[in-house]
N, C-alpha and C. Protein backbone atom coordinates (compact mmCIF):
# COMPACT_ATOMS: atom_id res chain seq x y z
N MET A 1 -6.17 -13.86 -3.62
CA MET A 1 -6.04 -13.16 -4.87
C MET A 1 -4.64 -12.60 -4.98
N THR A 2 -4.21 -12.35 -6.19
CA THR A 2 -2.90 -11.76 -6.43
C THR A 2 -3.10 -10.44 -7.16
N LEU A 3 -2.44 -9.41 -6.67
CA LEU A 3 -2.53 -8.08 -7.26
C LEU A 3 -1.13 -7.57 -7.59
N GLU A 4 -1.04 -6.83 -8.66
CA GLU A 4 0.19 -6.13 -9.03
C GLU A 4 -0.12 -4.65 -9.01
N GLY A 5 0.84 -3.85 -8.61
CA GLY A 5 0.63 -2.41 -8.58
C GLY A 5 1.84 -1.70 -8.04
N VAL A 6 1.60 -0.57 -7.36
CA VAL A 6 2.67 0.24 -6.80
C VAL A 6 2.38 0.47 -5.32
N LYS A 7 3.40 0.26 -4.50
CA LYS A 7 3.29 0.52 -3.06
C LYS A 7 3.44 2.03 -2.88
N LYS A 8 2.37 2.66 -2.40
CA LYS A 8 2.38 4.11 -2.25
C LYS A 8 2.07 4.51 -0.82
N CYS A 9 2.32 5.78 -0.54
CA CYS A 9 1.97 6.32 0.76
C CYS A 9 0.98 7.47 0.55
N GLN A 10 0.53 8.05 1.63
CA GLN A 10 -0.44 9.13 1.54
C GLN A 10 0.11 10.31 0.76
N CYS A 11 1.43 10.42 0.70
CA CYS A 11 2.04 11.51 -0.09
C CYS A 11 1.70 11.37 -1.57
N GLY A 12 1.33 10.17 -1.99
CA GLY A 12 1.00 9.93 -3.38
C GLY A 12 -0.46 10.17 -3.72
N LEU A 13 -1.25 10.55 -2.73
CA LEU A 13 -2.67 10.81 -2.97
C LEU A 13 -2.92 12.31 -3.09
N ALA A 14 -3.60 12.72 -4.11
CA ALA A 14 -3.97 14.12 -4.26
C ALA A 14 -5.39 14.29 -3.74
N VAL A 15 -5.51 14.87 -2.55
CA VAL A 15 -6.82 15.05 -1.92
C VAL A 15 -7.02 16.54 -1.66
N ALA A 16 -7.75 17.18 -2.54
CA ALA A 16 -8.06 18.61 -2.42
C ALA A 16 -6.80 19.39 -2.08
N ASP A 17 -6.89 20.23 -1.05
CA ASP A 17 -5.76 21.07 -0.66
C ASP A 17 -4.98 20.51 0.52
N LEU A 18 -5.21 19.26 0.86
CA LEU A 18 -4.51 18.68 2.01
C LEU A 18 -3.01 18.59 1.71
N PRO A 19 -2.19 19.10 2.63
CA PRO A 19 -0.74 19.00 2.42
C PRO A 19 -0.28 17.56 2.62
N HIS A 20 0.77 17.17 1.93
CA HIS A 20 1.33 15.85 2.19
C HIS A 20 2.84 15.96 2.31
N SER A 21 3.35 15.22 3.26
CA SER A 21 4.78 15.16 3.50
C SER A 21 5.09 13.83 4.17
N CYS A 22 6.09 13.14 3.67
CA CYS A 22 6.47 11.86 4.28
C CYS A 22 7.01 12.07 5.70
N LYS A 23 7.39 13.29 6.04
CA LYS A 23 7.93 13.58 7.37
C LYS A 23 6.83 13.67 8.43
N LEU A 24 5.57 13.77 8.02
CA LEU A 24 4.47 13.91 8.98
C LEU A 24 4.00 12.58 9.54
N GLY A 25 4.49 11.49 9.00
CA GLY A 25 3.99 10.18 9.39
C GLY A 25 2.77 9.86 8.54
N HIS A 26 2.66 8.63 8.12
CA HIS A 26 1.61 8.29 7.18
C HIS A 26 1.46 6.79 7.07
N LEU A 27 0.44 6.38 6.37
CA LEU A 27 0.16 4.97 6.16
C LEU A 27 0.30 4.64 4.68
N HIS A 28 0.62 3.40 4.41
CA HIS A 28 0.83 2.97 3.02
C HIS A 28 -0.35 2.16 2.51
N HIS A 29 -0.42 2.07 1.19
CA HIS A 29 -1.47 1.32 0.52
C HIS A 29 -0.92 0.81 -0.81
N LEU A 30 -1.68 -0.03 -1.46
CA LEU A 30 -1.32 -0.52 -2.79
C LEU A 30 -2.26 0.12 -3.80
N GLU A 31 -1.68 0.78 -4.80
CA GLU A 31 -2.49 1.23 -5.93
C GLU A 31 -2.28 0.18 -7.02
N ALA A 32 -3.31 -0.62 -7.25
CA ALA A 32 -3.21 -1.74 -8.18
C ALA A 32 -3.21 -1.26 -9.62
N ASP A 33 -2.79 -2.14 -10.49
CA ASP A 33 -2.75 -1.82 -11.92
C ASP A 33 -4.12 -1.44 -12.47
N ASP A 34 -5.20 -1.87 -11.79
CA ASP A 34 -6.55 -1.51 -12.24
C ASP A 34 -6.99 -0.14 -11.73
N GLY A 35 -6.08 0.58 -11.03
CA GLY A 35 -6.37 1.92 -10.54
C GLY A 35 -7.03 1.97 -9.18
N LYS A 36 -7.41 0.82 -8.63
CA LYS A 36 -8.05 0.80 -7.31
C LYS A 36 -7.00 0.89 -6.20
N ILE A 37 -7.43 1.48 -5.06
CA ILE A 37 -6.59 1.59 -3.87
C ILE A 37 -6.98 0.47 -2.92
N TYR A 38 -5.98 -0.27 -2.44
CA TYR A 38 -6.20 -1.34 -1.47
C TYR A 38 -5.40 -1.02 -0.22
N HIS A 39 -5.99 -1.29 0.94
CA HIS A 39 -5.38 -0.97 2.23
C HIS A 39 -4.87 -2.24 2.90
N TYR A 40 -3.67 -2.17 3.47
CA TYR A 40 -3.11 -3.31 4.19
C TYR A 40 -3.68 -3.34 5.60
N LEU A 41 -4.07 -4.53 6.07
CA LEU A 41 -4.44 -4.68 7.47
C LEU A 41 -3.18 -4.72 8.32
N GLN A 42 -3.31 -4.34 9.59
CA GLN A 42 -2.16 -4.29 10.48
C GLN A 42 -1.83 -5.67 11.05
N THR A 43 -1.61 -6.62 10.18
CA THR A 43 -1.17 -7.95 10.57
C THR A 43 0.04 -8.30 9.71
N GLU A 44 0.93 -9.09 10.26
CA GLU A 44 2.10 -9.50 9.47
C GLU A 44 1.66 -10.45 8.37
N PRO A 45 2.25 -10.43 7.20
CA PRO A 45 3.41 -9.64 6.82
C PRO A 45 3.08 -8.25 6.27
N GLY A 46 1.83 -7.83 6.24
CA GLY A 46 1.48 -6.53 5.70
C GLY A 46 1.66 -5.37 6.65
N LYS A 47 1.85 -5.64 7.94
CA LYS A 47 1.90 -4.57 8.95
C LYS A 47 3.02 -3.57 8.68
N GLN A 48 4.20 -4.04 8.36
CA GLN A 48 5.32 -3.14 8.15
C GLN A 48 5.08 -2.22 6.95
N SER A 49 4.43 -2.74 5.92
CA SER A 49 4.10 -1.90 4.76
C SER A 49 3.04 -0.89 5.12
N PHE A 50 2.03 -1.31 5.91
CA PHE A 50 0.98 -0.41 6.35
C PHE A 50 1.58 0.77 7.11
N LEU A 51 2.57 0.49 7.94
CA LEU A 51 3.19 1.53 8.76
C LEU A 51 4.20 2.37 8.00
N GLY A 52 4.41 2.05 6.74
CA GLY A 52 5.29 2.88 5.92
C GLY A 52 6.74 2.48 5.94
N ARG A 53 7.05 1.31 6.45
CA ARG A 53 8.44 0.86 6.45
C ARG A 53 8.74 0.25 5.09
N GLY A 54 9.93 0.50 4.63
CA GLY A 54 10.31 -0.03 3.33
C GLY A 54 10.20 1.03 2.26
N PRO A 55 10.47 0.64 1.04
CA PRO A 55 10.52 1.59 -0.07
C PRO A 55 9.16 2.22 -0.39
N HIS A 56 9.21 3.45 -0.85
CA HIS A 56 8.02 4.19 -1.29
C HIS A 56 7.96 4.16 -2.81
N PHE A 57 6.76 4.15 -3.34
CA PHE A 57 6.52 4.30 -4.78
C PHE A 57 7.30 3.27 -5.61
N GLN A 58 7.27 2.03 -5.17
CA GLN A 58 7.93 0.94 -5.89
C GLN A 58 6.90 -0.07 -6.37
N PRO A 59 7.15 -0.72 -7.51
CA PRO A 59 6.26 -1.78 -7.96
C PRO A 59 6.19 -2.90 -6.92
N ALA A 60 5.01 -3.49 -6.76
CA ALA A 60 4.83 -4.54 -5.76
C ALA A 60 3.82 -5.56 -6.25
N GLY A 61 4.02 -6.77 -5.78
CA GLY A 61 3.06 -7.85 -6.00
C GLY A 61 2.55 -8.30 -4.64
N VAL A 62 1.25 -8.48 -4.51
CA VAL A 62 0.65 -8.86 -3.23
C VAL A 62 -0.24 -10.08 -3.43
N THR A 63 -0.06 -11.06 -2.57
CA THR A 63 -0.98 -12.18 -2.49
C THR A 63 -1.73 -12.00 -1.19
N ALA A 64 -3.06 -11.91 -1.25
CA ALA A 64 -3.83 -11.57 -0.06
C ALA A 64 -5.27 -12.03 -0.19
N LEU A 65 -5.93 -12.05 0.94
CA LEU A 65 -7.37 -12.27 0.98
C LEU A 65 -8.02 -10.90 0.92
N LEU A 66 -8.92 -10.68 -0.03
CA LEU A 66 -9.60 -9.39 -0.17
C LEU A 66 -10.81 -9.37 0.74
N LEU A 67 -10.87 -8.36 1.60
CA LEU A 67 -11.97 -8.18 2.55
C LEU A 67 -12.80 -6.96 2.14
N PRO A 68 -14.00 -6.81 2.67
CA PRO A 68 -14.82 -5.64 2.36
C PRO A 68 -14.07 -4.34 2.64
N GLY A 69 -14.36 -3.33 1.85
CA GLY A 69 -13.72 -2.03 2.02
C GLY A 69 -12.35 -1.94 1.37
N GLN A 70 -12.06 -2.86 0.46
CA GLN A 70 -10.77 -2.90 -0.24
C GLN A 70 -9.59 -3.14 0.72
N PHE A 71 -9.84 -3.85 1.83
CA PHE A 71 -8.77 -4.19 2.76
C PHE A 71 -8.15 -5.51 2.37
N LEU A 72 -6.83 -5.62 2.54
CA LEU A 72 -6.10 -6.83 2.20
C LEU A 72 -5.53 -7.48 3.44
N LEU A 73 -5.82 -8.76 3.62
CA LEU A 73 -5.16 -9.57 4.63
C LEU A 73 -3.98 -10.21 3.90
N VAL A 74 -2.82 -9.59 4.02
CA VAL A 74 -1.66 -9.93 3.22
C VAL A 74 -1.08 -11.28 3.64
N GLN A 75 -0.83 -12.12 2.65
CA GLN A 75 -0.13 -13.38 2.87
C GLN A 75 1.31 -13.27 2.42
N GLN A 76 1.52 -12.51 1.35
CA GLN A 76 2.88 -12.29 0.85
C GLN A 76 2.92 -10.96 0.13
N LEU A 77 4.00 -10.21 0.38
CA LEU A 77 4.21 -8.91 -0.27
C LEU A 77 5.61 -8.89 -0.84
N ASP A 78 5.72 -8.69 -2.12
CA ASP A 78 7.02 -8.62 -2.79
C ASP A 78 7.17 -7.24 -3.40
N VAL A 79 8.06 -6.43 -2.81
CA VAL A 79 8.35 -5.10 -3.35
C VAL A 79 9.54 -5.24 -4.28
N LYS A 80 9.38 -4.74 -5.47
CA LYS A 80 10.42 -4.86 -6.51
C LYS A 80 11.21 -3.56 -6.56
N THR A 81 12.21 -3.44 -5.70
CA THR A 81 13.01 -2.22 -5.65
C THR A 81 13.83 -2.08 -6.91
N GLU A 82 13.95 -0.86 -7.35
CA GLU A 82 14.67 -0.58 -8.60
C GLU A 82 16.07 -0.13 -8.29
């Protein structure tokens, strides 16, 4: 499947009163254009994005196999840096 959305980190999630800071270490996910959150599996080429390497809060296109629990087995990830 192919998804378009924004590559985000935990800092972009508003969860009650939990503090967020990119300096604390965090994991990344894709917030798709349909509003759903998808998680990258720790396999290449998605591993580096899962670990938070690369740009934050940038538009992205992902080609992946969708697994239960909204997990993505990434085949290709294209981050569109501005």
